[in-house]
């Protein structure tokens, strides 16, 4: 899937329409794939909701938080983070 956007379509009342389409259409031409364009907002919403539902579950978040706290308790990690902030 590749992203893109169509320019203004005043006759449709659309200033800009962001979309995704089959990558084969871009590489091999429109005749290579008959999959329709999909509105970017719909795809992106589906991806975010799937990540929230399946990856960032409360259990996974708690595990990640525990790992981050353990890493920050390591003085070498804390020193490296502080060094990075001083250099910015």
C-alpha atoms as a PDB file:
ATOM      1  CA  UNK A   1       0.000   0.000   0.000  1.00  0.00           C
ATOM      2  CA  UNK A   2       1.281   3.437  -0.847  1.00  0.00           C
ATOM      3  CA  UNK A   3      -0.072   6.793   0.216  1.00  0.00           C
ATOM      4  CA  UNK A   4      -0.931   9.785  -1.867  1.00  0.00           C
ATOM      5  CA  UNK A   5      -3.233  12.712  -2.198  1.00  0.00           C
ATOM      6  CA  UNK A   6      -5.333  14.091  -4.954  1.00  0.00           C
ATOM      7  CA  UNK A   7      -5.345  17.821  -5.592  1.00  0.00           C
ATOM      8  CA  UNK A   8      -8.311  20.106  -5.451  1.00  0.00           C
ATOM      9  CA  UNK A   9     -11.590  18.892  -6.839  1.00  0.00           C
ATOM     10  CA  UNK A  10     -13.764  21.964  -6.621  1.00  0.00           C
ATOM     11  CA  UNK A  11     -16.595  20.252  -8.450  1.00  0.00           C
ATOM     12  CA  UNK A  12     -16.726  17.703  -5.604  1.00  0.00           C
ATOM     13  CA  UNK A  13     -16.195  20.260  -2.853  1.00  0.00           C
ATOM     14  CA  UNK A  14     -12.962  18.530  -1.802  1.00  0.00           C
ATOM     15  CA  UNK A  15      -9.810  20.562  -1.267  1.00  0.00           C
ATOM     16  CA  UNK A  16      -7.536  17.527  -0.843  1.00  0.00           C
ATOM     17  CA  UNK A  17      -8.255  13.810  -0.553  1.00  0.00           C
ATOM     18  CA  UNK A  18      -5.570  11.679   1.109  1.00  0.00           C
ATOM     19  CA  UNK A  19      -5.665   8.002   0.201  1.00  0.00           C
ATOM     20  CA  UNK A  20      -3.834   4.696   0.041  1.00  0.00           C
ATOM     21  CA  UNK A  21      -3.722   2.392  -2.943  1.00  0.00           C
ATOM     22  CA  UNK A  22      -2.126  -0.849  -4.035  1.00  0.00           C
ATOM     23  CA  UNK A  23       1.646  -0.475  -4.414  1.00  0.00           C
ATOM     24  CA  UNK A  24       1.491  -2.496  -7.622  1.00  0.00           C
ATOM     25  CA  UNK A  25      -0.567   0.252  -9.236  1.00  0.00           C
ATOM     26  CA  UNK A  26       2.286   2.681  -8.698  1.00  0.00           C
ATOM     27  CA  UNK A  27       5.063   0.283  -9.728  1.00  0.00           C
ATOM     28  CA  UNK A  28       3.371  -1.605 -12.554  1.00  0.00           C
ATOM     29  CA  UNK A  29       0.540   0.642 -13.663  1.00  0.00           C
ATOM     30  CA  UNK A  30      -3.160   0.882 -12.923  1.00  0.00           C
ATOM     31  CA  UNK A  31      -3.971  -2.285 -14.914  1.00  0.00           C
ATOM     32  CA  UNK A  32      -1.872  -4.411 -12.525  1.00  0.00           C
ATOM     33  CA  UNK A  33      -4.364  -4.201  -9.660  1.00  0.00           C
ATOM     34  CA  UNK A  34      -8.059  -3.435  -9.460  1.00  0.00           C
ATOM     35  CA  UNK A  35      -8.134  -2.705  -5.723  1.00  0.00           C
ATOM     36  CA  UNK A  36      -9.875   0.586  -5.017  1.00  0.00           C
ATOM     37  CA  UNK A  37      -8.276   3.596  -3.397  1.00  0.00           C
ATOM     38  CA  UNK A  38      -8.983   3.739   0.342  1.00  0.00           C
ATOM     39  CA  UNK A  39      -9.445   6.968   2.306  1.00  0.00           C
ATOM     40  CA  UNK A  40      -6.370   7.595   4.470  1.00  0.00           C
ATOM     41  CA  UNK A  41      -8.451   8.625   7.494  1.00  0.00           C
ATOM     42  CA  UNK A  42     -10.224   5.255   7.510  1.00  0.00           C
ATOM     43  CA  UNK A  43      -7.005   3.225   7.242  1.00  0.00           C
ATOM     44  CA  UNK A  44      -5.151   5.294   9.825  1.00  0.00           C
ATOM     45  CA  UNK A  45      -8.041   5.109  12.279  1.00  0.00           C
ATOM     46  CA  UNK A  46      -8.190   1.331  11.873  1.00  0.00           C
ATOM     47  CA  UNK A  47      -4.423   1.011  12.463  1.00  0.00           C
ATOM     48  CA  UNK A  48      -4.449   3.220  15.573  1.00  0.00           C
ATOM     49  CA  UNK A  49      -7.452   1.419  17.060  1.00  0.00           C
ATOM     50  CA  UNK A  50      -5.908  -1.993  16.364  1.00  0.00           C
ATOM     51  CA  UNK A  51      -2.638  -0.979  18.037  1.00  0.00           C
ATOM     52  CA  UNK A  52      -4.532   0.369  21.047  1.00  0.00           C
ATOM     53  CA  UNK A  53      -6.714  -2.743  21.316  1.00  0.00           C
ATOM     54  CA  UNK A  54      -4.050  -5.406  20.731  1.00  0.00           C
ATOM     55  CA  UNK A  55      -0.653  -3.926  21.538  1.00  0.00           C
ATOM     56  CA  UNK A  56      -1.081  -1.164  24.094  1.00  0.00           C
ATOM     57  CA  UNK A  57      -3.260  -3.197  26.408  1.00  0.00           C
ATOM     58  CA  UNK A  58      -3.127  -2.302  30.105  1.00  0.00           C
ATOM     59  CA  UNK A  59      -1.074  -5.468  30.747  1.00  0.00           C
ATOM     60  CA  UNK A  60       1.466  -4.677  28.029  1.00  0.00           C
ATOM     61  CA  UNK A  61       1.642  -1.061  29.130  1.00  0.00           C
ATOM     62  CA  UNK A  62       2.394  -2.116  32.718  1.00  0.00           C
ATOM     63  CA  UNK A  63       5.164  -4.465  31.493  1.00  0.00           C
ATOM     64  CA  UNK A  64       6.669  -1.708  29.372  1.00  0.00           C
ATOM     65  CA  UNK A  65       6.485   0.750  32.260  1.00  0.00           C
ATOM     66  CA  UNK A  66       8.246  -1.734  34.571  1.00  0.00           C
ATOM     67  CA  UNK A  67      11.029  -2.231  32.001  1.00  0.00           C
ATOM     68  CA  UNK A  68      11.465   1.518  31.590  1.00  0.00           C
ATOM     69  CA  UNK A  69      11.631   2.034  35.349  1.00  0.00           C
ATOM     70  CA  UNK A  70      14.219  -0.730  35.658  1.00  0.00           C
ATOM     71  CA  UNK A  71      16.286   0.779  32.848  1.00  0.00           C
ATOM     72  CA  UNK A  72      16.127   4.241  34.414  1.00  0.00           C
ATOM     73  CA  UNK A  73      17.267   2.792  37.736  1.00  0.00           C
ATOM     74  CA  UNK A  74      20.510   1.725  36.005  1.00  0.00           C
ATOM     75  CA  UNK A  75      22.968   4.603  36.586  1.00  0.00           C
ATOM     76  CA  UNK A  76      24.612   4.144  33.177  1.00  0.00           C
ATOM     77  CA  UNK A  77      21.277   4.608  31.409  1.00  0.00           C
ATOM     78  CA  UNK A  78      20.407   7.659  33.491  1.00  0.00           C
ATOM     79  CA  UNK A  79      23.861   9.163  32.819  1.00  0.00           C
ATOM     80  CA  UNK A  80      23.503   8.552  29.072  1.00  0.00           C
ATOM     81  CA  UNK A  81      20.085  10.216  29.027  1.00  0.00           C
ATOM     82  CA  UNK A  82      21.357  13.231  30.957  1.00  0.00           C
ATOM     83  CA  UNK A  83      24.366  13.530  28.627  1.00  0.00           C
ATOM     84  CA  UNK A  84      22.029  13.491  25.631  1.00  0.00           C
ATOM     85  CA  UNK A  85      19.856  16.249  27.089  1.00  0.00           C
ATOM     86  CA  UNK A  86      22.874  18.446  27.864  1.00  0.00           C
ATOM     87  CA  UNK A  87      24.041  18.098  24.269  1.00  0.00           C
ATOM     88  CA  UNK A  88      20.732  19.230  22.753  1.00  0.00           C
END
